[in-house]
Amino acid sequence: MVKISAIESTESSRAHIRRVFPTTIAASRDPFVLLDEFFVDESAGFPLHLHRGFEAVTYIIDGTLRHTDNLGNHDTIGSGGVHFFCAGSGICHAEMPVGKGVCHGLQLWINLPPELKKVHPSYQRVESNGIPEERPPGGVLRHILGGPSPIEVKTDVHFEDVHINADSSCEILMPESHDGFVYVYEGTAYILDITLEPGTGLVLERGERHTIWCNTRTRMVVISGMPLGRPITMHDGVVD
């Protein structure tokens, strides 16, 4: 297991982000290209820009975000909802906060295999009440991608938002064919002798099983995917 820490920065559009990877200390995790935790208010956001060669999920933790693109989509999603697109051969989109206050969320980029790099771009949206949930003892498990999620993904990935109550625990298991990681965005989690606070995560290997214990209310994402076995090259929003 390897602990990773996000690097904080402010983009040219004044959006404040915590980049989990890729950074100078943490490379992309095949098949995952990038993971950002973002905080944007009415003075910031992500204006119109181009993407190609990957899929991306934007998960809204708190606030409201408006998605627009050159496919004709104009959608607003609130807390707990998801914007998802397959950039494929190319999509131009913008994501801007709505209303006052801070919009807080996560965006994950997922690489596409070579045979899908030129696929026609597409877009999906799911409101919070459309995300399947389980309620194991001590918490809530939300299936953002994979499993019972209604979002159609072209790659074999799982993305789960896990809420753990104070003085409770949960067990996580990496599939035998997947590499993955845990990332904490609220509270504090303990795995073996490792402490994870907001902005930190843990890289997990295939088949690993661990118990996570929390003494405060904690929220984290558990993400895994089948590696494509290809180098990841990213430049200006394009993944070759």
Protein backbone atom coordinates (compact mmCIF):
# COMPACT_ATOMS: atom_id res chain seq x y z
CA MET A 1 0.00 0.00 0.00
CA VAL A 2 1.18 3.50 -0.86
CA LYS A 3 -0.23 6.66 0.72
CA ILE A 4 -0.86 9.57 -1.65
CA SER A 5 -1.54 13.24 -0.90
CA ALA A 6 -3.32 15.69 -3.18
CA ILE A 7 -1.52 18.85 -4.27
CA GLU A 8 -3.53 22.07 -3.97
CA SER A 9 -3.54 24.70 -6.70
CA THR A 10 -5.68 27.37 -8.34
CA GLU A 11 -6.34 27.14 -12.06
CA SER A 12 -6.39 30.10 -14.46
CA SER A 13 -10.21 30.12 -14.20
CA ARG A 14 -9.80 30.64 -10.40
CA ALA A 15 -11.07 27.15 -9.65
CA HIS A 16 -9.42 25.74 -6.52
CA ILE A 17 -8.45 22.08 -6.89
CA ARG A 18 -6.76 19.29 -4.99
CA ARG A 19 -5.09 17.12 -7.62
CA VAL A 20 -4.67 13.57 -6.39
CA PHE A 21 -2.92 12.44 -9.58
CA PRO A 22 -1.07 12.89 -11.83
CA THR A 23 1.35 15.05 -9.82
CA THR A 24 5.08 15.24 -9.28
CA ILE A 25 4.69 12.64 -6.52
CA ALA A 26 1.89 10.42 -7.87
CA ALA A 27 1.56 9.13 -11.45
CA SER A 28 -1.71 8.25 -13.19
CA ARG A 29 -3.16 4.89 -12.12
CA ASP A 30 -4.02 2.78 -15.18
CA PRO A 31 -6.81 2.97 -16.36
CA PHE A 32 -7.34 6.24 -14.46
CA VAL A 33 -5.80 9.37 -15.95
CA LEU A 34 -6.65 12.07 -13.40
CA LEU A 35 -8.53 12.65 -10.16
CA ASP A 36 -9.34 16.18 -8.97
CA GLU A 37 -11.28 17.37 -5.96
CA PHE A 38 -12.60 20.84 -6.83
CA PHE A 39 -14.08 23.85 -5.04
CA VAL A 40 -15.64 26.57 -7.22
CA ASP A 41 -17.85 29.56 -6.47
CA GLU A 42 -19.66 32.08 -8.67
CA SER A 43 -16.35 33.78 -9.55
CA ALA A 44 -14.77 30.56 -10.86
CA GLY A 45 -15.51 27.40 -12.82
CA PHE A 46 -14.42 25.51 -15.91
CA PRO A 47 -15.24 27.50 -19.09
CA LEU A 48 -15.65 25.88 -22.52
CA HIS A 49 -12.73 23.58 -23.39
CA LEU A 50 -11.91 20.52 -25.53
CA HIS A 51 -11.42 16.88 -24.50
CA ARG A 52 -10.58 13.75 -26.48
CA GLY A 53 -9.69 10.13 -25.83
CA PHE A 54 -11.24 9.35 -22.41
CA GLU A 55 -14.37 9.18 -20.29
CA ALA A 56 -15.01 11.45 -17.29
CA VAL A 57 -17.36 11.46 -14.32
CA THR A 58 -18.08 14.61 -12.30
CA TYR A 59 -19.62 13.78 -8.92
CA ILE A 60 -21.24 16.67 -7.05
CA ILE A 61 -20.63 16.45 -3.30
CA ASP A 62 -22.22 19.77 -2.41
CA GLY A 63 -23.68 22.65 -4.42
CA THR A 64 -24.88 22.80 -8.02
CA LEU A 65 -22.99 22.55 -11.31
CA ARG A 66 -24.19 23.33 -14.83
CA HIS A 67 -22.88 21.27 -17.77
CA THR A 68 -23.07 22.56 -21.36
CA ASP A 69 -21.49 21.03 -24.46
CA ASN A 70 -21.37 21.15 -28.25
CA LEU A 71 -23.70 18.13 -28.45
CA GLY A 72 -26.54 20.39 -27.34
CA ASN A 73 -26.72 19.33 -23.68
CA HIS A 74 -27.54 21.96 -21.05
CA ASP A 75 -28.00 20.32 -17.65
CA THR A 76 -27.83 21.39 -14.02
CA ILE A 77 -27.07 18.81 -11.33
CA GLY A 78 -27.16 19.28 -7.55
CA SER A 79 -25.59 17.55 -4.56
CA GLY A 80 -25.20 13.81 -4.96
CA GLY A 81 -25.75 13.87 -8.73
CA VAL A 82 -23.46 12.97 -11.62
CA HIS A 83 -22.40 14.38 -14.98
CA PHE A 84 -20.70 11.78 -17.22
CA PHE A 85 -19.29 12.06 -20.72
CA CYS A 86 -17.33 9.94 -23.16
CA ALA A 87 -15.09 12.41 -25.00
CA GLY A 88 -14.13 9.88 -27.68
CA SER A 89 -13.21 11.72 -30.90
CA GLY A 90 -13.80 15.08 -29.24
CA ILE A 91 -16.22 17.08 -27.09
CA CYS A 92 -16.24 20.74 -26.06
CA HIS A 93 -17.89 21.33 -22.71
CA ALA A 94 -18.08 23.72 -19.77
CA GLU A 95 -18.89 23.13 -16.11
CA MET A 96 -19.87 26.20 -14.11
CA PRO A 97 -21.29 26.61 -10.59
CA VAL A 98 -24.85 27.81 -10.08
CA GLY A 99 -25.91 30.20 -7.34
CA LYS A 100 -23.97 31.48 -4.38
CA GLY A 101 -21.73 29.40 -2.17
CA VAL A 102 -19.11 26.82 -3.09
CA CYS A 103 -19.70 23.88 -5.39
CA HIS A 104 -17.60 20.95 -4.16
CA GLY A 105 -17.05 17.81 -6.19
CA LEU A 106 -14.76 15.20 -7.68
CA GLN A 107 -13.81 14.61 -11.30
CA LEU A 108 -12.26 11.35 -12.50
CA TRP A 109 -10.85 10.74 -15.98
CA ILE A 110 -10.84 7.16 -17.31
CA ASN A 111 -8.67 6.17 -20.25
CA LEU A 112 -10.23 4.57 -23.33
CA PRO A 113 -8.69 1.59 -25.13
CA PRO A 114 -7.25 2.34 -28.60
CA GLU A 115 -10.26 0.94 -30.46
CA LEU A 116 -12.58 3.43 -28.69
CA LYS A 117 -10.48 6.59 -28.94
CA LYS A 118 -12.45 7.75 -32.01
CA VAL A 119 -15.91 6.75 -30.81
CA HIS A 120 -18.63 9.38 -31.16
CA PRO A 121 -18.83 11.53 -27.99
CA SER A 122 -21.79 11.11 -25.65
CA TYR A 123 -23.18 12.50 -22.39
CA GLN A 124 -25.22 11.13 -19.47
CA ARG A 125 -26.63 12.64 -16.29
CA VAL A 126 -28.11 11.14 -13.13
CA GLU A 127 -29.76 13.05 -10.31
CA SER A 128 -28.94 12.11 -6.73
CA ASN A 129 -32.12 10.05 -6.32
CA GLY A 130 -31.10 7.94 -9.31
CA ILE A 131 -27.85 6.73 -7.72
CA PRO A 132 -28.32 3.23 -6.21
CA GLU A 133 -27.52 3.02 -2.50
CA GLU A 134 -26.90 0.30 0.04
CA ARG A 135 -27.11 0.81 3.79
CA PRO A 136 -24.77 -1.63 5.51
CA PRO A 137 -24.36 -1.34 9.30
CA GLY A 138 -22.63 1.93 10.17
CA GLY A 139 -22.93 3.77 6.89
CA VAL A 140 -24.08 4.27 3.30
CA LEU A 141 -22.60 2.97 0.03
CA ARG A 142 -23.46 4.85 -3.19
CA HIS A 143 -22.73 3.18 -6.55
CA ILE A 144 -21.59 5.98 -8.87
CA LEU A 145 -20.07 3.78 -11.61
CA GLY A 146 -20.15 0.02 -12.09
CA GLY A 147 -22.39 -2.58 -10.49
CA PRO A 148 -26.01 -1.35 -10.28
CA SER A 149 -25.17 2.21 -11.42
CA PRO A 150 -27.37 3.34 -14.35
CA ILE A 151 -24.41 5.05 -16.05
CA GLU A 152 -23.10 3.20 -19.08
CA VAL A 153 -19.29 3.11 -18.95
CA LYS A 154 -17.14 1.77 -21.80
CA THR A 155 -14.43 0.57 -19.43
CA ASP A 156 -14.50 -1.90 -16.51
CA VAL A 157 -14.47 0.40 -13.47
CA HIS A 158 -16.14 0.80 -10.08
CA PHE A 159 -16.61 4.15 -8.32
CA GLU A 160 -18.29 4.09 -4.91
CA ASP A 161 -18.98 6.93 -2.49
CA VAL A 162 -18.73 5.51 1.04
CA HIS A 163 -20.15 7.26 4.12
CA ILE A 164 -19.07 5.84 7.48
CA ASN A 165 -20.65 6.92 10.76
CA ALA A 166 -18.61 7.93 13.80
CA ASP A 167 -17.14 4.98 15.72
CA SER A 168 -17.98 2.61 12.89
CA SER A 169 -16.10 0.54 10.34
CA CYS A 170 -16.48 -0.97 6.90
CA GLU A 171 -14.62 -3.51 4.80
CA ILE A 172 -13.26 -2.84 1.32
CA LEU A 173 -12.14 -5.44 -1.19
CA MET A 174 -10.33 -4.85 -4.47
CA PRO A 175 -11.49 -7.19 -7.25
CA GLU A 176 -8.84 -9.70 -8.34
CA SER A 177 -8.65 -8.08 -11.80
CA HIS A 178 -8.64 -4.44 -10.65
CA ASP A 179 -6.12 -1.94 -9.34
CA GLY A 180 -7.56 0.86 -7.24
CA PHE A 181 -7.40 3.34 -4.42
CA VAL A 182 -9.25 5.01 -1.57
CA TYR A 183 -9.50 8.81 -1.28
CA VAL A 184 -10.87 10.62 1.79
CA TYR A 185 -12.61 13.98 1.37
CA GLU A 186 -14.27 14.37 4.79
CA GLY A 187 -13.39 13.09 8.26
CA THR A 188 -10.60 10.69 9.21
CA ALA A 189 -10.13 7.03 8.31
CA TYR A 190 -7.74 4.45 9.74
CA ILE A 191 -6.47 1.47 7.74
CA LEU A 192 -3.99 -0.69 9.68
CA ASP A 193 -1.48 1.88 11.04
CA ILE A 194 -2.21 4.47 8.32
CA THR A 195 -4.25 7.61 9.01
CA LEU A 196 -6.14 9.18 6.09
CA GLU A 197 -7.41 12.74 6.41
CA PRO A 198 -9.12 14.91 3.77
CA GLY A 199 -6.92 15.23 0.70
CA THR A 200 -5.14 11.91 1.22
CA GLY A 201 -5.61 8.44 -0.19
CA LEU A 202 -4.19 4.96 -0.35
CA VAL A 203 -3.26 2.94 -3.42
CA LEU A 204 -4.49 -0.65 -3.17
CA GLU A 205 -3.44 -3.72 -5.12
CA ARG A 206 -5.55 -6.45 -6.69
CA GLY A 207 -7.42 -8.66 -4.26
CA GLU A 208 -6.52 -6.61 -1.17
CA ARG A 209 -9.09 -6.66 1.65
CA HIS A 210 -8.99 -4.13 4.48
CA THR A 211 -11.14 -2.88 7.33
CA ILE A 212 -11.53 0.90 7.55
CA TRP A 213 -12.34 2.33 10.98
CA CYS A 214 -13.53 5.89 11.66
CA ASN A 215 -13.96 7.76 14.94
CA THR A 216 -15.74 10.68 13.24
CA ARG A 217 -18.27 10.81 10.40
CA THR A 218 -16.17 10.16 7.31
CA ARG A 219 -16.75 10.21 3.57
CA MET A 220 -14.46 8.71 0.95
CA VAL A 221 -14.47 7.25 -2.53
CA VAL A 222 -13.31 3.73 -3.33
CA ILE A 223 -12.34 3.45 -7.01
CA SER A 224 -11.01 0.50 -8.99
CA GLY A 225 -10.58 -0.51 -12.62
CA MET A 226 -9.12 -3.13 -14.92
CA PRO A 227 -5.79 -1.82 -16.25
CA LEU A 228 -5.50 -1.36 -20.01
CA GLY A 229 -1.75 -1.98 -19.92
CA ARG A 230 -0.98 1.11 -22.00
CA PRO A 231 1.07 4.21 -21.21
CA ILE A 232 -1.09 7.25 -20.37
CA THR A 233 -0.17 10.43 -22.25
CA MET A 234 -2.15 13.57 -21.43
CA HIS A 235 -1.79 17.07 -22.91
CA ASP A 236 -4.23 20.00 -22.97
CA GLY A 237 -7.27 17.89 -22.12
CA VAL A 238 -6.44 15.18 -24.66
CA VAL A 239 -5.47 11.62 -23.74
CA ASP A 240 -3.67 9.78 -26.55
